[in-house]
PDB file of N, CA and C in Angstrom:
ATOM      1  N   UNK A   1     103.173 100.302  92.514  1.00  0.00           N
ATOM      2  CA  UNK A   1     103.117  99.325  91.329  1.00  0.00           C
ATOM      3  C   UNK A   1     104.087  98.696  91.073  1.00  0.00           C
ATOM      4  N   UNK A   2     104.992  99.788  90.971  1.00  0.00           N
ATOM      5  CA  UNK A   2     106.575 100.062  89.788  1.00  0.00           C
ATOM      6  C   UNK A   2     107.117  98.532  91.017  1.00  0.00           C
ATOM      7  N   UNK A   3     107.735  98.055  89.672  1.00  0.00           N
ATOM      8  CA  UNK A   3     108.130  96.727  89.946  1.00  0.00           C
ATOM      9  C   UNK A   3     107.568  95.626  89.384  1.00  0.00           C
ATOM     10  N   UNK A   4     106.392  95.760  89.495  1.00  0.00           N
ATOM     11  CA  UNK A   4     105.505  94.530  88.788  1.00  0.00           C
ATOM     12  C   UNK A   4     105.599  94.771  87.395  1.00  0.00           C
ATOM     13  N   UNK A   5     105.397  93.481  86.548  1.00  0.00           N
ATOM     14  CA  UNK A   5     105.672  93.294  84.877  1.00  0.00           C
ATOM     15  C   UNK A   5     104.476  92.263  84.815  1.00  0.00           C
ATOM     16  N   UNK A   6     102.990  92.325  85.769  1.00  0.00           N
ATOM     17  CA  UNK A   6     101.931  91.151  85.128  1.00  0.00           C
ATOM     18  C   UNK A   6     101.316  92.046  84.273  1.00  0.00           C
ATOM     19  N   UNK A   7     100.868  91.378  83.045  1.00  0.00           N
ATOM     20  CA  UNK A   7      99.824  92.779  82.181  1.00  0.00           C
ATOM     21  C   UNK A   7      98.649  92.471  83.196  1.00  0.00           C
ATOM     22  N   UNK A   8      98.139  91.258  83.402  1.00  0.00           N
ATOM     23  CA  UNK A   8      97.017  91.476  83.517  1.00  0.00           C
ATOM     24  C   UNK A   8      96.838  92.581  84.574  1.00  0.00           C
ATOM     25  N   UNK A   9      97.230  92.358  85.439  1.00  0.00           N
ATOM     26  CA  UNK A   9      97.193  92.898  87.039  1.00  0.00           C
ATOM     27  C   UNK A   9      96.981  94.666  86.501  1.00  0.00           C
ATOM     28  N   UNK A  10      98.602  94.974  85.414  1.00  0.00           N
ATOM     29  CA  UNK A  10      98.413  96.034  85.442  1.00  0.00           C
ATOM     30  C   UNK A  10      97.356  96.789  84.787  1.00  0.00           C
ATOM     31  N   UNK A  11      96.627  95.554  83.691  1.00  0.00           N
ATOM     32  CA  UNK A  11      95.374  96.481  83.079  1.00  0.00           C
ATOM     33  C   UNK A  11      94.125  96.484  83.972  1.00  0.00           C
ATOM     34  N   UNK A  12      94.127  96.255  85.071  1.00  0.00           N
ATOM     35  CA  UNK A  12      93.046  95.667  86.298  1.00  0.00           C
ATOM     36  C   UNK A  12      93.243  97.271  86.946  1.00  0.00           C
ATOM     37  N   UNK A  13      94.573  97.369  86.967  1.00  0.00           N
ATOM     38  CA  UNK A  13      94.704  98.366  87.738  1.00  0.00           C
ATOM     39  C   UNK A  13      94.579  99.791  86.749  1.00  0.00           C
ATOM     40  N   UNK A  14      95.010  99.184  86.012  1.00  0.00           N
ATOM     41  CA  UNK A  14      94.865 101.052  84.900  1.00  0.00           C
ATOM     42  C   UNK A  14      93.291 101.472  84.800  1.00  0.00           C
ATOM     43  N   UNK A  15      92.533  99.953  84.802  1.00  0.00           N
ATOM     44  CA  UNK A  15      90.561 100.421  84.545  1.00  0.00           C
ATOM     45  C   UNK A  15      90.164 100.334  86.070  1.00  0.00           C
ATOM     46  N   UNK A  16      90.530 100.028  87.080  1.00  0.00           N
ATOM     47  CA  UNK A  16      89.532 100.662  88.457  1.00  0.00           C
ATOM     48  C   UNK A  16      89.442 102.583  88.499  1.00  0.00           C
ATOM     49  N   UNK A  17      90.409 103.003  87.479  1.00  0.00           N
ATOM     50  CA  UNK A  17      90.221 104.267  87.523  1.00  0.00           C
ATOM     51  C   UNK A  17      88.653 104.840  86.933  1.00  0.00           C
ATOM     52  N   UNK A  18      89.119 103.663  85.509  1.00  0.00           N
ATOM     53  CA  UNK A  18      87.496 104.304  84.671  1.00  0.00           C
ATOM     54  C   UNK A  18      87.771 103.301  83.487  1.00  0.00           C
ATOM     55  N   UNK A  19      86.798 103.351  82.630  1.00  0.00           N
ATOM     56  CA  UNK A  19      86.655 102.556  81.300  1.00  0.00           C
ATOM     57  C   UNK A  19      88.162 103.884  80.753  1.00  0.00           C
ATOM     58  N   UNK A  20      88.845 102.576  79.665  1.00  0.00           N
ATOM     59  CA  UNK A  20      90.038 102.907  78.791  1.00  0.00           C
ATOM     60  C   UNK A  20      89.682 101.940  77.516  1.00  0.00           C
ATOM     61  N   UNK A  21      90.514 102.929  76.468  1.00  0.00           N
ATOM     62  CA  UNK A  21      90.712 101.934  75.564  1.00  0.00           C
ATOM     63  C   UNK A  21      92.409 101.775  75.504  1.00  0.00           C
ATOM     64  N   UNK A  22      92.578 100.742  74.523  1.00  0.00           N
ATOM     65  CA  UNK A  22      93.807 100.051  74.238  1.00  0.00           C
ATOM     66  C   UNK A  22      94.823 101.205  74.868  1.00  0.00           C
ATOM     67  N   UNK A  23      95.433 102.235  73.592  1.00  0.00           N
ATOM     68  CA  UNK A  23      96.341 102.676  73.872  1.00  0.00           C
ATOM     69  C   UNK A  23      96.085 103.849  75.292  1.00  0.00           C
ATOM     70  N   UNK A  24      95.045 104.334  75.888  1.00  0.00           N
ATOM     71  CA  UNK A  24      94.635 104.816  76.890  1.00  0.00           C
ATOM     72  C   UNK A  24      95.777 103.997  78.257  1.00  0.00           C
ATOM     73  N   UNK A  25      95.358 102.550  78.129  1.00  0.00           N
ATOM     74  CA  UNK A  25      95.521 102.078  79.253  1.00  0.00           C
ATOM     75  C   UNK A  25      97.609 101.657  78.770  1.00  0.00           C
ATOM     76  N   UNK A  26      97.635 101.428  77.755  1.00  0.00           N
ATOM     77  CA  UNK A  26      99.127 101.675  77.435  1.00  0.00           C
ATOM     78  C   UNK A  26     100.065 102.566  78.395  1.00  0.00           C
ATOM     79  N   UNK A  27      99.557 103.936  77.652  1.00  0.00           N
ATOM     80  CA  UNK A  27     100.182 105.440  78.616  1.00  0.00           C
ATOM     81  C   UNK A  27      99.483 105.237  79.999  1.00  0.00           C
ATOM     82  N   UNK A  28      98.757 104.514  80.554  1.00  0.00           N
ATOM     83  CA  UNK A  28      98.872 104.441  81.979  1.00  0.00           C
ATOM     84  C   UNK A  28      99.530 103.537  82.679  1.00  0.00           C
ATOM     85  N   UNK A  29      99.350 102.646  82.077  1.00  0.00           N
ATOM     86  CA  UNK A  29     100.388 101.635  82.879  1.00  0.00           C
ATOM     87  C   UNK A  29     101.852 102.204  82.900  1.00  0.00           C
ATOM     88  N   UNK A  30     102.238 102.642  81.749  1.00  0.00           N
ATOM     89  CA  UNK A  30     103.636 103.470  81.796  1.00  0.00           C
ATOM     90  C   UNK A  30     103.960 104.387  82.430  1.00  0.00           C
ATOM     91  N   UNK A  31     102.746 105.295  82.794  1.00  0.00           N
ATOM     92  CA  UNK A  31     102.648 106.439  83.764  1.00  0.00           C
ATOM     93  C   UNK A  31     103.004 105.765  85.158  1.00  0.00           C
ATOM     94  N   UNK A  32     102.274 104.871  85.541  1.00  0.00           N
ATOM     95  CA  UNK A  32     102.323 104.410  87.038  1.00  0.00           C
ATOM     96  C   UNK A  32     103.063 103.805  87.445  1.00  0.00           C
ATOM     97  N   UNK A  33     103.397 102.734  86.752  1.00  0.00           N
ATOM     98  CA  UNK A  33     104.232 101.417  86.647  1.00  0.00           C
ATOM     99  C   UNK A  33     105.876 101.524  86.206  1.00  0.00           C
ATOM    100  N   UNK A  34     105.721 102.337  85.498  1.00  0.00           N
ATOM    101  CA  UNK A  34     106.967 102.318  84.353  1.00  0.00           C
ATOM    102  C   UNK A  34     107.165 101.276  83.355  1.00  0.00           C
ATOM    103  N   UNK A  35     106.300 100.604  83.030  1.00  0.00           N
ATOM    104  CA  UNK A  35     106.141  99.295  82.443  1.00  0.00           C
ATOM    105  C   UNK A  35     105.858  99.786  80.816  1.00  0.00           C
ATOM    106  N   UNK A  36     106.188  99.441  80.138  1.00  0.00           N
ATOM    107  CA  UNK A  36     105.848  99.248  78.342  1.00  0.00           C
ATOM    108  C   UNK A  36     105.567  98.363  78.213  1.00  0.00           C
ATOM    109  N   UNK A  37     104.708  98.141  78.042  1.00  0.00           N
ATOM    110  CA  UNK A  37     103.783  97.023  77.622  1.00  0.00           C
ATOM    111  C   UNK A  37     103.303  97.282  76.067  1.00  0.00           C
ATOM    112  N   UNK A  38     103.801  95.934  75.386  1.00  0.00           N
ATOM    113  CA  UNK A  38     103.411  96.266  73.631  1.00  0.00           C
ATOM    114  C   UNK A  38     102.436  96.041  73.471  1.00  0.00           C
ATOM    115  N   UNK A  39     101.527  96.095  72.421  1.00  0.00           N
ATOM    116  CA  UNK A  39     100.251  96.008  72.107  1.00  0.00           C
ATOM    117  C   UNK A  39      99.916  94.377  71.751  1.00  0.00           C
ATOM    118  N   UNK A  40     101.120  93.331  71.663  1.00  0.00           N
ATOM    119  CA  UNK A  40     100.161  92.246  71.996  1.00  0.00           C
ATOM    120  C   UNK A  40     100.283  91.793  73.221  1.00  0.00           C
ATOM    121  N   UNK A  41     101.296  91.962  74.113  1.00  0.00           N
ATOM    122  CA  UNK A  41     100.765  91.684  75.390  1.00  0.00           C
ATOM    123  C   UNK A  41      99.551  92.536  75.617  1.00  0.00           C
ATOM    124  N   UNK A  42      99.719  94.144  75.546  1.00  0.00           N
ATOM    125  CA  UNK A  42      98.184  94.223  76.080  1.00  0.00           C
ATOM    126  C   UNK A  42      97.033  93.617  75.942  1.00  0.00           C
ATOM    127  N   UNK A  43      97.012  93.172  74.326  1.00  0.00           N
ATOM    128  CA  UNK A  43      95.656  92.779  73.749  1.00  0.00           C
ATOM    129  C   UNK A  43      95.737  91.361  74.332  1.00  0.00           C
ATOM    130  N   UNK A  44      96.932  90.369  74.365  1.00  0.00           N
ATOM    131  CA  UNK A  44      96.824  89.161  75.126  1.00  0.00           C
ATOM    132  C   UNK A  44      95.959  89.027  76.495  1.00  0.00           C
ATOM    133  N   UNK A  45      96.397  90.255  76.870  1.00  0.00           N
ATOM    134  CA  UNK A  45      96.087  90.392  78.683  1.00  0.00           C
ATOM    135  C   UNK A  45      94.104  90.891  78.323  1.00  0.00           C
ATOM    136  N   UNK A  46      94.533  91.670  77.428  1.00  0.00           N
ATOM    137  CA  UNK A  46      92.864  92.138  77.530  1.00  0.00           C
ATOM    138  C   UNK A  46      92.001  90.769  77.429  1.00  0.00           C
ATOM    139  N   UNK A  47      92.405  89.762  75.950  1.00  0.00           N
ATOM    140  CA  UNK A  47      91.708  88.910  75.736  1.00  0.00           C
ATOM    141  C   UNK A  47      92.044  87.744  77.022  1.00  0.00           C
ATOM    142  N   UNK A  48      92.414  87.397  77.898  1.00  0.00           N
ATOM    143  CA  UNK A  48      92.429  86.769  78.965  1.00  0.00           C
ATOM    144  C   UNK A  48      91.321  87.231  79.839  1.00  0.00           C
ATOM    145  N   UNK A  49      91.530  88.632  80.665  1.00  0.00           N
ATOM    146  CA  UNK A  49      90.746  89.042  81.556  1.00  0.00           C
ATOM    147  C   UNK A  49      89.216  89.069  80.756  1.00  0.00           C
ATOM    148  N   UNK A  50      89.019  89.445  79.654  1.00  0.00           N
ATOM    149  CA  UNK A  50      87.638  89.390  79.139  1.00  0.00           C
ATOM    150  C   UNK A  50      87.122  87.754  78.828  1.00  0.00           C
ATOM    151  N   UNK A  51      87.782  87.150  78.675  1.00  0.00           N
ATOM    152  CA  UNK A  51      87.365  85.439  79.123  1.00  0.00           C
ATOM    153  C   UNK A  51      87.115  85.026  80.531  1.00  0.00           C
ATOM    154  N   UNK A  52      87.834  85.882  81.176  1.00  0.00           N
ATOM    155  CA  UNK A  52      87.661  85.354  82.622  1.00  0.00           C
ATOM    156  C   UNK A  52      86.732  85.846  83.352  1.00  0.00           C
ATOM    157  N   UNK A  53      85.897  86.757  82.399  1.00  0.00           N
ATOM    158  CA  UNK A  53      84.861  88.020  83.039  1.00  0.00           C
ATOM    159  C   UNK A  53      85.391  89.249  84.149  1.00  0.00           C
ATOM    160  N   UNK A  54      86.888  89.106  83.729  1.00  0.00           N
ATOM    161  CA  UNK A  54      86.704  90.610  84.750  1.00  0.00           C
ATOM    162  C   UNK A  54      87.059  91.521  84.278  1.00  0.00           C
ATOM    163  N   UNK A  55      86.918  91.931  82.986  1.00  0.00           N
ATOM    164  CA  UNK A  55      86.892  93.104  81.945  1.00  0.00           C
ATOM    165  C   UNK A  55      85.481  93.072  80.966  1.00  0.00           C
ATOM    166  N   UNK A  56      85.298  94.399  80.526  1.00  0.00           N
ATOM    167  CA  UNK A  56      83.877  93.911  79.461  1.00  0.00           C
ATOM    168  C   UNK A  56      84.348  94.741  78.363  1.00  0.00           C
ATOM    169  N   UNK A  57      84.231  94.311  77.197  1.00  0.00           N
ATOM    170  CA  UNK A  57      84.374  96.130  76.137  1.00  0.00           C
ATOM    171  C   UNK A  57      82.901  96.508  76.276  1.00  0.00           C
ATOM    172  N   UNK A  58      83.389  98.031  75.714  1.00  0.00           N
ATOM    173  CA  UNK A  58      82.060  98.909  75.860  1.00  0.00           C
ATOM    174  C   UNK A  58      81.899  99.235  74.187  1.00  0.00           C
ATOM    175  N   UNK A  59      81.124  99.921  73.525  1.00  0.00           N
ATOM    176  CA  UNK A  59      80.693 100.126  72.903  1.00  0.00           C
ATOM    177  C   UNK A  59      82.008 101.135  72.277  1.00  0.00           C
ATOM    178  N   UNK A  60      81.967 101.062  70.759  1.00  0.00           N
ATOM    179  CA  UNK A  60      82.944 101.758  70.465  1.00  0.00           C
ATOM    180  C   UNK A  60      82.777 102.936  70.490  1.00  0.00           C
ATOM    181  N   UNK A  61      83.864 103.931  70.431  1.00  0.00           N
ATOM    182  CA  UNK A  61      84.150 104.971  70.459  1.00  0.00           C
ATOM    183  C   UNK A  61      84.863 105.721  69.311  1.00  0.00           C
ATOM    184  N   UNK A  62      84.408 105.779  68.085  1.00  0.00           N
ATOM    185  CA  UNK A  62      85.118 106.153  67.303  1.00  0.00           C
ATOM    186  C   UNK A  62      85.687 104.782  66.636  1.00  0.00           C
ATOM    187  N   UNK A  63      86.834 104.627  66.398  1.00  0.00           N
ATOM    188  CA  UNK A  63      87.854 103.638  66.435  1.00  0.00           C
ATOM    189  C   UNK A  63      87.921 103.238  67.428  1.00  0.00           C
ATOM    190  N   UNK A  64      87.765 103.329  68.556  1.00  0.00           N
ATOM    191  CA  UNK A  64      88.567 102.373  69.565  1.00  0.00           C
ATOM    192  C   UNK A  64      87.638 102.056  70.564  1.00  0.00           C
ATOM    193  N   UNK A  65      87.852 100.971  71.143  1.00  0.00           N
ATOM    194  CA  UNK A  65      87.112 100.526  72.146  1.00  0.00           C
ATOM    195  C   UNK A  65      87.602 100.665  73.455  1.00  0.00           C
ATOM    196  N   UNK A  66      86.662 100.976  74.155  1.00  0.00           N
ATOM    197  CA  UNK A  66      87.319 101.315  75.941  1.00  0.00           C
ATOM    198  C   UNK A  66      86.359 100.001  76.486  1.00  0.00           C
ATOM    199  N   UNK A  67      87.365  99.542  77.676  1.00  0.00           N
ATOM    200  CA  UNK A  67      87.245  98.493  78.391  1.00  0.00           C
ATOM    201  C   UNK A  67      86.678  99.018  79.867  1.00  0.00           C
ATOM    202  N   UNK A  68      86.258  98.302  80.371  1.00  0.00           N
ATOM    203  CA  UNK A  68      85.709  98.459  82.050  1.00  0.00           C
ATOM    204  C   UNK A  68      85.904  97.540  82.940  1.00  0.00           C
ATOM    205  N   UNK A  69      86.250  97.462  83.775  1.00  0.00           N
ATOM    206  CA  UNK A  69      86.036  96.530  85.285  1.00  0.00           C
ATOM    207  C   UNK A  69      84.723  95.539  85.248  1.00  0.00           C
ATOM    208  N   UNK A  70      84.354  94.645  85.495  1.00  0.00           N
ATOM    209  CA  UNK A  70      82.813  93.830  85.738  1.00  0.00           C
ATOM    210  C   UNK A  70      83.165  94.195  87.217  1.00  0.00           C
ATOM    211  N   UNK A  71      82.029  93.947  88.251  1.00  0.00           N
ATOM    212  CA  UNK A  71      81.907  93.840  89.359  1.00  0.00           C
ATOM    213  C   UNK A  71      83.307  92.533  90.209  1.00  0.00           C
ATOM    214  N   UNK A  72      82.976  91.567  88.919  1.00  0.00           N
ATOM    215  CA  UNK A  72      84.218  90.105  89.421  1.00  0.00           C
ATOM    216  C   UNK A  72      85.522  90.952  89.141  1.00  0.00           C
ATOM    217  N   UNK A  73      85.501  91.656  88.386  1.00  0.00           N
ATOM    218  CA  UNK A  73      86.756  92.144  87.945  1.00  0.00           C
ATOM    219  C   UNK A  73      87.325  93.181  89.089  1.00  0.00           C
ATOM    220  N   UNK A  74      86.535  93.884  89.874  1.00  0.00           N
ATOM    221  CA  UNK A  74      86.923  94.643  90.801  1.00  0.00           C
ATOM    222  C   UNK A  74      87.384  93.592  92.221  1.00  0.00           C
ATOM    223  N   UNK A  75      86.643  92.834  92.234  1.00  0.00           N
ATOM    224  CA  UNK A  75      86.521  91.466  93.461  1.00  0.00           C
ATOM    225  C   UNK A  75      88.126  91.101  93.560  1.00  0.00           C
ATOM    226  N   UNK A  76      88.556  90.245  92.044  1.00  0.00           N
ATOM    227  CA  UNK A  76      89.470  89.898  91.717  1.00  0.00           C
ATOM    228  C   UNK A  76      90.877  90.806  92.124  1.00  0.00           C
ATOM    229  N   UNK A  77      90.808  91.806  91.299  1.00  0.00           N
ATOM    230  CA  UNK A  77      91.876  93.217  92.073  1.00  0.00           C
ATOM    231  C   UNK A  77      91.921  93.680  93.324  1.00  0.00           C
ATOM    232  N   UNK A  78      90.874  94.063  93.993  1.00  0.00           N
ATOM    233  CA  UNK A  78      91.091  93.714  95.470  1.00  0.00           C
ATOM    234  C   UNK A  78      91.520  92.314  96.014  1.00  0.00           C
ATOM    235  N   UNK A  79      91.419  91.123  95.807  1.00  0.00           N
ATOM    236  CA  UNK A  79      92.169  90.248  96.206  1.00  0.00           C
ATOM    237  C   UNK A  79      93.668  90.633  95.855  1.00  0.00           C
ATOM    238  N   UNK A  80      94.175  90.479  94.649  1.00  0.00           N
ATOM    239  CA  UNK A  80      95.374  90.792  94.109  1.00  0.00           C
ATOM    240  C   UNK A  80      96.079  91.471  95.134  1.00  0.00           C
ATOM    241  N   UNK A  81      95.455  92.564  95.036  1.00  0.00           N
ATOM    242  CA  UNK A  81      96.112  94.198  96.002  1.00  0.00           C
ATOM    243  C   UNK A  81      96.260  93.561  97.542  1.00  0.00           C
ATOM    244  N   UNK A  82      95.449  92.679  97.887  1.00  0.00           N
ATOM    245  CA  UNK A  82      95.296  92.337  99.201  1.00  0.00           C
ATOM    246  C   UNK A  82      96.512  91.819  99.593  1.00  0.00           C
ATOM    247  N   UNK A  83      96.641  90.604  98.547  1.00  0.00           N
ATOM    248  CA  UNK A  83      97.903  89.321  98.661  1.00  0.00           C
ATOM    249  C   UNK A  83      98.865  90.547  98.199  1.00  0.00           C
ATOM    250  N   UNK A  84      99.221  91.468  97.521  1.00  0.00           N
ATOM    251  CA  UNK A  84     100.700  91.935  97.466  1.00  0.00           C
ATOM    252  C   UNK A  84     101.116  92.563  98.542  1.00  0.00           C
ATOM    253  N   UNK A  85      99.781  93.442  99.042  1.00  0.00           N
ATOM    254  CA  UNK A  85      99.861  93.862 100.621  1.00  0.00           C
ATOM    255  C   UNK A  85     100.488  93.207 101.234  1.00  0.00           C
ATOM    256  N   UNK A  86     100.273  91.971 101.683  1.00  0.00           N
ATOM    257  CA  UNK A  86     100.697  90.891 102.833  1.00  0.00           C
ATOM    258  C   UNK A  86     101.875  90.633 102.611  1.00  0.00           C
ATOM    259  N   UNK A  87     102.505  90.636 101.406  1.00  0.00           N
ATOM    260  CA  UNK A  87     103.649  90.218 100.926  1.00  0.00           C
ATOM    261  C   UNK A  87     104.918  91.523 101.149  1.00  0.00           C
ATOM    262  N   UNK A  88     104.305  92.627 100.676  1.00  0.00           N
ATOM    263  CA  UNK A  88     105.452  93.795 100.883  1.00  0.00           C
ATOM    264  C   UNK A  88     105.113  94.178 102.129  1.00  0.00           C
ATOM    265  N   UNK A  89     104.141  94.060 102.876  1.00  0.00           N
ATOM    266  CA  UNK A  89     104.525  94.325 104.497  1.00  0.00           C
ATOM    267  C   UNK A  89     105.533  93.373 104.874  1.00  0.00           C
ATOM    268  N   UNK A  90     105.175  92.238 104.987  1.00  0.00           N
ATOM    269  CA  UNK A  90     105.655  91.048 105.434  1.00  0.00           C
ATOM    270  C   UNK A  90     107.393  91.474 105.078  1.00  0.00           C
ATOM    271  N   UNK A  91     107.427  91.523 104.091  1.00  0.00           N
ATOM    272  CA  UNK A  91     109.069  91.982 103.107  1.00  0.00           C
ATOM    273  C   UNK A  91     109.341  93.021 104.443  1.00  0.00           C
ATOM    274  N   UNK A  92     108.795  94.321 104.221  1.00  0.00           N
ATOM    275  CA  UNK A  92     109.296  95.381 104.944  1.00  0.00           C
ATOM    276  C   UNK A  92     109.572  95.126 106.677  1.00  0.00           C
ATOM    277  N   UNK A  93     108.972  94.544 106.852  1.00  0.00           N
ATOM    278  CA  UNK A  93     109.217  93.797 108.153  1.00  0.00           C
ATOM    279  C   UNK A  93     110.587  93.273 108.620  1.00  0.00           C
ATOM    280  N   UNK A  94     110.851  92.114 107.976  1.00  0.00           N
ATOM    281  CA  UNK A  94     111.989  91.571 107.802  1.00  0.00           C
ATOM    282  C   UNK A  94     112.970  92.256 107.765  1.00  0.00           C
ATOM    283  N   UNK A  95     112.757  92.653 106.557  1.00  0.00           N
ATOM    284  CA  UNK A  95     114.118  93.786 106.724  1.00  0.00           C
ATOM    285  C   UNK A  95     114.155  94.730 107.015  1.00  0.00           C
ATOM    286  N   UNK A  96     113.146  94.948 108.103  1.00  0.00           N
ATOM    287  CA  UNK A  96     113.695  96.242 109.127  1.00  0.00           C
ATOM    288  C   UNK A  96     114.180  95.414 110.425  1.00  0.00           C
ATOM    289  N   UNK A  97     113.757  93.961 110.689  1.00  0.00           N
ATOM    290  CA  UNK A  97     114.358  93.030 111.806  1.00  0.00           C
ATOM    291  C   UNK A  97     115.896  92.754 111.256  1.00  0.00           C
ATOM    292  N   UNK A  98     116.514  92.857 110.167  1.00  0.00           N
ATOM    293  CA  UNK A  98     117.612  92.561 109.670  1.00  0.00           C
ATOM    294  C   UNK A  98     118.575  93.698 109.691  1.00  0.00           C
ATOM    295  N   UNK A  99     117.932  94.779 110.228  1.00  0.00           N
ATOM    296  CA  UNK A  99     118.701  96.096 109.699  1.00  0.00           C
ATOM    297  C   UNK A  99     119.452  96.271 111.457  1.00  0.00           C
TER     298      UNK A  99
END
């Protein structure tokens, strides 16, 4: 995933591993993608994903609210990843052909 900075995609990928609260998402995204999302960017993405029905909040865990993927979110993530895979594979083939 390194190289992408689409906050919505990064949040979906993080939540594919299981429910997480905001700070845990920030840390996970930093660790797997090398991208530092600001809180405003993160919570803006969470709001859009929730409005689109791709994630849902869970009950508060102390002061933190975890989020999880919905079934629509899993489907949307799979579609996005398939699309990225096609682009990556095409790019690799084209680079190989020019070598």
